[in-house]
Amino acid sequence: MSHNSFGHMFRVTSWGESHGPAIGCVVDGVPPGIALSEADIQPFLDRRRPGQSRFTTQRREADEVRILSGVYQGQTTGTPIALQIENTDQRSKDYANIAERFRPGHADIAYHWKYGIRDPRGGGRSSARETAMRVAAGAIARKIIGDGVMIRGALVQMGPHGIDRSRFDWSEVERNPFFCPDAQAAVAWAEALDAVRRDGSSLGAVVEVVAEGVPPGLGAPVYAKLDADLAQAMISINAVKAVEIGDGFAAAALRGEQNADEMRMNPDGTIRFLANHAGGILGGIATGQPIVVRFAVKPTSSILTPVRSVDAEGNDIMIETKGRHDPCVGIRAVPVGEAMMACVLADHWLRHRGQIGAMGTPTL
């Protein structure tokens, strides 16, 4: 299986399966001399870790990361950084009944057609367990782009239930199990998700990730657009089916003058935008405004509700998936989306430095 790497100057290659002995990644392209330890990575993994509420899978994984290479005496050396997380709470027996059956909505049938063999235990390589390594890599990426860039994510819709934008509060995100910026919506979501769990089903979600403080100039025209790389990164996350930048699909309903991000001069000679319909990117290049990305996560495909399918012998069957699964996989996708934003920005920061040099103050 190829294509397990992403990025150019900041390049991440992940490995491992859901029920294997461990998962891991190799992060290449990190400049030398950056302070780095497991303690810099672990807090981000803890936000994604399963089993922290009744609304996520009850698989109990500590997700403790180990740095195996690329760091000496607390500093990066410029060589590849290898990271590893042991799997400690696999229950492979839960998947014995689907080894020869294909779960609708899952990658089972696609893997079978492509490779002729698949690991049915928790989805194997197609499991969202792989995203833990993206989060670990994202923690390193944040060290590259520095504290001046703030990356935050939130769940803004669960199933058909969206937040009230007038109540949007970033500080609320860490106070509820949904990463929800609307306290009232979080209460309603708890009731809705409890009802869906009792029915043996699941819900989808929409995640919004915002990066503030990104210097203008990151990105490149045509084939290395910053928004194109962000879209590719986000849709590569398990279960993501759509991505939009800025107003996204809503822009199609606007008139030209409504969609234009008009500009005015500040007294100090800098430029200010009067809106941000473009989501902080024009012509594939960052404008210095907040970069806004949203992605849609489908409902978890592993559900207890019986659904129609087929088996490896060509028989029509009914199938239900037992085991421990997220009733809304979009919840834990929030820190994953943040990590992918960080990885793309770090990659473009290094590309920009290679072509243009240090980031300067833009002038007219």
Protein backbone atom coordinates (compact mmCIF):
# COMPACT_ATOMS: atom_id res chain seq x y z
CA MET A 1 0.00 0.00 0.00
CA SER A 2 1.54 3.29 -1.12
CA HIS A 3 0.51 6.89 -0.41
CA ASN A 4 0.97 6.88 3.35
CA SER A 5 2.80 10.22 3.33
CA PHE A 6 1.67 13.83 3.02
CA GLY A 7 3.44 17.17 2.83
CA HIS A 8 6.53 18.31 0.96
CA MET A 9 9.09 20.17 3.09
CA PHE A 10 7.27 19.08 6.27
CA ARG A 11 6.51 15.47 5.46
CA VAL A 12 4.62 12.95 7.56
CA THR A 13 4.50 9.19 6.94
CA SER A 14 2.20 7.20 9.22
CA TRP A 15 2.07 3.45 9.78
CA GLY A 16 0.14 0.88 11.81
CA GLU A 17 -3.34 -0.60 12.17
CA SER A 18 -6.13 -0.25 14.70
CA HIS A 19 -5.48 -3.62 16.35
CA GLY A 20 -1.78 -4.03 15.65
CA PRO A 21 0.84 -3.77 18.40
CA ALA A 22 1.41 -0.06 17.77
CA ILE A 23 0.85 2.89 15.49
CA GLY A 24 3.45 5.47 14.55
CA CYS A 25 4.75 8.06 12.14
CA VAL A 26 7.95 9.57 10.83
CA VAL A 27 8.09 13.36 10.58
CA ASP A 28 10.77 14.63 8.21
CA GLY A 29 11.88 18.16 7.38
CA VAL A 30 11.78 19.59 10.91
CA PRO A 31 14.52 22.24 11.29
CA PRO A 32 17.19 21.59 13.91
CA GLY A 33 17.36 23.37 17.24
CA ILE A 34 13.66 23.34 18.12
CA ALA A 35 12.89 22.39 21.72
CA LEU A 36 10.81 19.20 21.67
CA SER A 37 9.82 16.46 24.10
CA GLU A 38 6.94 14.05 24.62
CA ALA A 39 5.42 16.63 26.97
CA ASP A 40 4.99 19.00 24.01
CA ILE A 41 2.97 16.39 22.10
CA GLN A 42 0.96 14.59 24.78
CA PRO A 43 -1.58 17.35 25.60
CA PHE A 44 -2.83 17.34 22.01
CA LEU A 45 -3.16 13.55 22.01
CA ASP A 46 -5.05 13.72 25.29
CA ARG A 47 -7.70 15.92 23.66
CA ARG A 48 -8.29 13.30 20.96
CA ARG A 49 -7.95 10.25 23.23
CA PRO A 50 -10.95 7.86 23.27
CA GLY A 51 -13.04 6.87 26.26
CA GLN A 52 -13.26 10.29 27.90
CA SER A 53 -17.07 10.51 27.89
CA ARG A 54 -20.09 8.38 27.10
CA PHE A 55 -20.30 10.12 23.73
CA THR A 56 -17.12 8.52 22.33
CA THR A 57 -15.85 4.97 21.92
CA GLN A 58 -15.14 3.27 25.24
CA ARG A 59 -11.89 1.81 23.97
CA ARG A 60 -9.37 2.73 26.71
CA GLU A 61 -6.11 3.81 25.15
CA ALA A 62 -3.58 5.93 27.04
CA ASP A 63 -2.15 7.15 23.72
CA GLU A 64 1.23 7.77 25.34
CA VAL A 65 3.68 8.90 22.69
CA ARG A 66 7.38 8.00 22.55
CA ILE A 67 9.98 9.89 20.55
CA LEU A 68 12.33 7.30 19.04
CA SER A 69 14.65 9.49 16.95
CA GLY A 70 15.41 12.98 15.74
CA VAL A 71 15.74 14.62 19.18
CA TYR A 72 18.91 14.96 21.25
CA GLN A 73 19.12 16.64 24.63
CA GLY A 74 15.66 18.11 24.19
CA GLN A 75 16.25 19.62 20.76
CA THR A 76 15.45 18.53 17.23
CA THR A 77 18.51 17.51 15.24
CA GLY A 78 17.13 18.05 11.73
CA THR A 79 16.92 14.29 11.13
CA PRO A 80 13.67 12.29 10.85
CA ILE A 81 11.59 12.26 14.03
CA ALA A 82 10.01 8.85 14.69
CA LEU A 83 7.00 8.68 17.00
CA GLN A 84 5.23 5.61 18.37
CA ILE A 85 2.07 4.89 20.37
CA GLU A 86 1.36 1.39 21.64
CA ASN A 87 -2.10 -0.12 21.22
CA THR A 88 -3.07 -1.51 24.61
CA ASP A 89 -6.86 -2.08 24.57
CA GLN A 90 -7.66 -4.06 21.43
CA ARG A 91 -10.68 -6.38 21.44
CA SER A 92 -10.26 -8.17 18.14
CA LYS A 93 -12.89 -10.80 18.97
CA ASP A 94 -15.55 -8.13 18.42
CA TYR A 95 -14.80 -8.35 14.69
CA ALA A 96 -14.80 -12.14 14.26
CA ASN A 97 -18.34 -12.09 12.85
CA ILE A 98 -17.51 -9.60 10.07
CA ALA A 99 -14.23 -11.09 8.80
CA GLU A 100 -16.03 -12.38 5.70
CA ARG A 101 -18.73 -9.69 5.60
CA PHE A 102 -18.65 -6.16 4.23
CA ARG A 103 -20.03 -3.32 6.34
CA PRO A 104 -21.96 -0.71 4.32
CA GLY A 105 -20.39 2.73 4.52
CA HIS A 106 -17.01 1.26 5.50
CA ALA A 107 -13.89 0.73 3.40
CA ASP A 108 -14.27 -3.06 3.67
CA ILE A 109 -15.47 -3.71 0.13
CA ALA A 110 -13.12 -1.13 -1.41
CA TYR A 111 -10.07 -2.64 0.33
CA HIS A 112 -11.18 -6.14 -0.77
CA TRP A 113 -11.52 -5.06 -4.39
CA LYS A 114 -8.18 -3.21 -4.42
CA TYR A 115 -5.91 -5.52 -2.41
CA GLY A 116 -7.71 -8.85 -2.24
CA ILE A 117 -7.00 -8.95 1.50
CA ARG A 118 -7.94 -6.77 4.46
CA ASP A 119 -7.56 -6.58 8.22
CA PRO A 120 -11.12 -6.61 9.60
CA ARG A 121 -10.08 -5.85 13.19
CA GLY A 122 -11.38 -2.36 13.81
CA GLY A 123 -10.99 -1.53 10.15
CA GLY A 124 -7.23 -2.11 10.18
CA ARG A 125 -5.47 0.65 8.29
CA SER A 126 -8.75 2.42 7.46
CA SER A 127 -9.52 2.97 11.15
CA ALA A 128 -9.64 6.47 12.61
CA ARG A 129 -7.04 5.16 15.08
CA GLU A 130 -4.50 6.31 12.49
CA THR A 131 -5.43 9.93 13.16
CA ALA A 132 -3.64 9.86 16.52
CA MET A 133 -0.38 10.12 14.60
CA ARG A 134 -1.64 13.12 12.66
CA VAL A 135 -2.33 14.84 15.97
CA ALA A 136 1.19 14.00 17.18
CA ALA A 137 2.70 15.35 13.96
CA GLY A 138 0.52 18.45 14.27
CA ALA A 139 2.02 19.16 17.69
CA ILE A 140 5.47 19.27 16.08
CA ALA A 141 4.16 21.44 13.26
CA ARG A 142 2.94 24.00 15.81
CA LYS A 143 6.48 24.26 17.15
CA ILE A 144 7.68 25.21 13.66
CA ILE A 145 5.09 27.90 12.95
CA GLY A 146 5.43 29.36 16.45
CA ASP A 147 3.13 30.81 19.09
CA GLY A 148 2.16 33.73 16.90
CA VAL A 149 -0.25 31.50 14.99
CA MET A 150 -3.31 30.35 16.94
CA ILE A 151 -5.13 27.26 15.62
CA ARG A 152 -8.51 26.39 17.13
CA GLY A 153 -11.25 23.98 16.16
CA ALA A 154 -14.87 23.52 17.16
CA LEU A 155 -17.83 21.31 16.38
CA VAL A 156 -20.43 23.64 14.85
CA GLN A 157 -23.06 21.10 13.82
CA MET A 158 -24.08 17.62 14.98
CA GLY A 159 -26.50 15.81 12.73
CA PRO A 160 -29.09 18.43 11.71
CA HIS A 161 -28.46 20.53 14.83
CA GLY A 162 -26.25 23.59 14.32
CA ILE A 163 -24.95 26.14 16.79
CA ASP A 164 -26.26 29.67 17.28
CA ARG A 165 -23.45 31.87 15.94
CA SER A 166 -24.50 34.70 18.25
CA ARG A 167 -23.48 32.50 21.20
CA PHE A 168 -20.13 31.42 19.71
CA ASP A 169 -17.57 31.33 22.55
CA TRP A 170 -14.14 29.78 22.05
CA SER A 171 -13.68 29.37 25.81
CA GLU A 172 -16.73 27.11 25.89
CA VAL A 173 -15.05 24.56 23.57
CA GLU A 174 -13.02 22.98 26.38
CA ARG A 175 -15.95 22.92 28.85
CA ASN A 176 -18.09 20.25 27.19
CA PRO A 177 -17.45 16.83 25.63
CA PHE A 178 -18.32 18.00 22.11
CA PHE A 179 -15.78 20.81 21.56
CA CYS A 180 -18.91 22.92 21.08
CA PRO A 181 -18.61 26.75 21.23
CA ASP A 182 -22.30 27.14 22.14
CA ALA A 183 -23.18 26.01 25.68
CA GLN A 184 -26.90 25.69 24.95
CA ALA A 185 -26.30 23.65 21.81
CA ALA A 186 -24.02 21.28 23.76
CA VAL A 187 -26.89 20.46 26.15
CA ALA A 188 -29.23 19.74 23.25
CA TRP A 189 -26.60 17.63 21.50
CA ALA A 190 -26.18 15.44 24.57
CA GLU A 191 -29.87 14.59 24.51
CA ALA A 192 -29.88 13.99 20.76
CA LEU A 193 -26.80 11.75 20.82
CA ASP A 194 -28.10 9.74 23.77
CA ALA A 195 -31.28 9.04 21.80
CA VAL A 196 -29.31 8.01 18.71
CA ARG A 197 -27.11 5.68 20.78
CA ARG A 198 -30.17 4.00 22.26
CA ASP A 199 -31.41 3.43 18.72
CA GLY A 200 -28.11 1.76 17.81
CA SER A 201 -27.30 4.43 15.23
CA SER A 202 -24.98 7.43 14.80
CA LEU A 203 -24.79 11.07 13.71
CA GLY A 204 -22.55 13.11 11.42
CA ALA A 205 -21.03 16.50 12.21
CA VAL A 206 -19.41 19.66 10.85
CA VAL A 207 -16.05 20.81 12.23
CA GLU A 208 -14.71 24.34 11.86
CA VAL A 209 -10.98 25.08 12.16
CA VAL A 210 -9.66 28.65 12.33
CA ALA A 211 -6.02 29.75 12.15
CA GLU A 212 -5.31 33.31 13.27
CA GLY A 213 -2.01 35.16 12.97
CA VAL A 214 -0.99 33.42 9.73
CA PRO A 215 1.38 35.82 7.92
CA PRO A 216 0.33 36.94 4.46
CA GLY A 217 2.25 35.28 1.66
CA LEU A 218 2.02 31.61 2.62
CA GLY A 219 0.89 29.48 -0.29
CA ALA A 220 1.57 29.59 -4.02
CA PRO A 221 -0.38 30.04 -7.26
CA VAL A 222 -1.89 27.27 -9.36
CA TYR A 223 -0.66 23.86 -8.16
CA ALA A 224 0.40 24.66 -4.61
CA LYS A 225 -2.53 26.75 -3.47
CA LEU A 226 -2.78 26.95 0.31
CA ASP A 227 -6.52 26.31 0.19
CA ALA A 228 -6.05 23.35 -2.16
CA ASP A 229 -3.56 21.73 0.22
CA LEU A 230 -5.84 22.43 3.19
CA ALA A 231 -8.79 20.88 1.37
CA GLN A 232 -6.76 17.78 0.50
CA ALA A 233 -5.49 17.48 4.06
CA MET A 234 -8.94 17.76 5.63
CA ILE A 235 -10.70 15.39 3.26
CA SER A 236 -7.96 12.81 3.88
CA ILE A 237 -9.24 12.53 7.47
CA ASN A 238 -11.29 9.38 7.98
CA ALA A 239 -15.05 9.82 7.35
CA VAL A 240 -14.73 13.37 5.95
CA LYS A 241 -16.88 13.84 2.83
CA ALA A 242 -16.79 17.60 2.13
CA VAL A 243 -14.56 20.62 2.75
CA GLU A 244 -15.16 24.34 2.34
CA ILE A 245 -12.95 27.42 2.76
CA GLY A 246 -14.44 30.68 4.04
CA ASP A 247 -18.07 30.99 2.95
CA GLY A 248 -17.63 27.86 0.84
CA PHE A 249 -20.84 26.67 -0.78
CA ALA A 250 -22.73 29.65 0.65
CA ALA A 251 -20.71 31.94 -1.63
CA ALA A 252 -22.62 30.59 -4.61
CA ALA A 253 -25.76 32.33 -3.32
CA LEU A 254 -24.09 35.77 -3.05
CA ARG A 255 -23.82 38.57 -5.56
CA GLY A 256 -20.37 39.76 -6.57
CA GLU A 257 -20.42 42.89 -4.43
CA GLN A 258 -21.60 40.85 -1.43
CA ASN A 259 -18.82 38.31 -1.80
CA ALA A 260 -16.05 40.88 -2.32
CA ASP A 261 -13.81 41.35 0.70
CA GLU A 262 -13.52 45.12 0.37
CA MET A 263 -10.42 46.93 1.65
CA ARG A 264 -9.52 50.21 3.32
CA MET A 265 -6.28 51.80 4.53
CA ASN A 266 -5.56 52.06 8.24
CA PRO A 267 -4.00 55.26 9.62
CA ASP A 268 -0.72 53.41 10.12
CA GLY A 269 -0.49 52.57 6.44
CA THR A 270 -1.59 48.95 6.72
CA ILE A 271 -4.58 47.47 4.93
CA ARG A 272 -7.70 46.16 6.59
CA PHE A 273 -10.35 43.94 5.03
CA LEU A 274 -14.02 44.72 5.68
CA ALA A 275 -15.08 41.05 5.44
CA ASN A 276 -13.58 37.57 5.14
CA HIS A 277 -15.74 35.65 2.70
CA ALA A 278 -12.56 34.18 1.17
CA GLY A 279 -11.54 32.55 4.43
CA GLY A 280 -8.14 34.24 4.55
CA ILE A 281 -6.86 32.97 1.18
CA LEU A 282 -6.86 34.69 -2.21
CA GLY A 283 -5.31 33.15 -5.33
CA GLY A 284 -4.04 30.30 -3.19
CA ILE A 285 -2.03 32.71 -0.97
CA ALA A 286 -2.75 33.73 2.63
CA THR A 287 -3.92 37.33 3.12
CA GLY A 288 -3.19 37.59 6.82
CA GLN A 289 -6.85 37.28 7.74
CA PRO A 290 -8.07 34.30 9.77
CA ILE A 291 -8.00 31.12 7.70
CA VAL A 292 -11.36 29.40 8.06
CA VAL A 293 -11.94 25.79 7.04
CA ARG A 294 -14.99 23.61 7.63
CA PHE A 295 -15.40 19.92 6.90
CA ALA A 296 -18.33 17.53 7.06
CA VAL A 297 -17.96 14.15 8.78
CA LYS A 298 -20.38 11.39 7.85
CA PRO A 299 -22.24 9.37 10.52
CA THR A 300 -20.17 6.52 11.97
CA SER A 301 -20.68 3.46 9.78
CA SER A 302 -20.22 0.94 12.61
CA ILE A 303 -23.71 0.76 14.10
CA LEU A 304 -25.85 -1.79 15.93
CA THR A 305 -28.83 -1.23 13.65
CA PRO A 306 -29.05 -4.16 11.17
CA VAL A 307 -28.40 -3.06 7.58
CA ARG A 308 -28.35 -4.91 4.26
CA SER A 309 -25.05 -6.08 2.78
CA VAL A 310 -23.25 -9.01 1.16
CA ASP A 311 -20.56 -11.46 2.26
CA ALA A 312 -17.38 -12.70 0.60
CA GLU A 313 -19.25 -15.66 -0.90
CA GLY A 314 -21.73 -13.43 -2.69
CA ASN A 315 -24.70 -13.93 -0.38
CA ASP A 316 -27.17 -11.22 0.57
CA ILE A 317 -27.02 -10.76 4.34
CA MET A 318 -28.05 -8.49 7.20
CA ILE A 319 -25.18 -7.14 9.28
CA GLU A 320 -24.77 -5.24 12.53
CA THR A 321 -21.44 -4.11 13.95
CA LYS A 322 -20.65 -4.97 17.55
CA GLY A 323 -17.80 -3.55 19.59
CA ARG A 324 -16.92 -0.06 20.82
CA HIS A 325 -17.54 2.76 18.39
CA ASP A 326 -18.06 6.52 18.38
CA PRO A 327 -21.74 7.41 17.98
CA CYS A 328 -20.46 10.64 16.40
CA VAL A 329 -16.93 10.29 15.07
CA GLY A 330 -16.94 13.99 14.26
CA ILE A 331 -16.38 14.87 17.92
CA ARG A 332 -12.83 13.55 18.07
CA ALA A 333 -12.17 14.90 14.57
CA VAL A 334 -11.81 18.42 16.04
CA PRO A 335 -8.21 18.00 17.29
CA VAL A 336 -7.41 16.06 14.11
CA GLY A 337 -8.58 18.99 11.97
CA GLU A 338 -6.46 21.36 14.06
CA ALA A 339 -3.45 19.10 13.53
CA MET A 340 -3.91 18.96 9.76
CA MET A 341 -4.17 22.76 9.65
CA ALA A 342 -0.89 22.96 11.58
CA CYS A 343 0.86 20.45 9.31
CA VAL A 344 -0.16 22.28 6.12
CA LEU A 345 0.85 25.67 7.53
CA ALA A 346 4.23 24.31 8.67
CA ASP A 347 4.81 22.79 5.25
CA HIS A 348 4.00 26.08 3.49
CA TRP A 349 6.05 28.08 5.99
CA LEU A 350 9.10 25.96 5.14
CA ARG A 351 8.36 26.17 1.40
CA HIS A 352 8.04 29.96 1.64
CA ARG A 353 11.31 30.23 3.54
CA GLY A 354 13.03 28.12 0.89
CA GLN A 355 11.82 30.28 -2.00
CA ILE A 356 11.40 33.77 -0.56
CA GLY A 357 13.31 33.82 2.73
CA ALA A 358 12.08 34.99 6.12
CA MET A 359 8.54 36.31 6.40
CA GLY A 360 8.62 40.09 6.14
CA THR A 361 6.09 42.90 6.55
CA PRO A 362 4.15 43.22 3.28
CA THR A 363 4.14 46.62 1.62
CA LEU A 364 2.19 48.14 -1.25
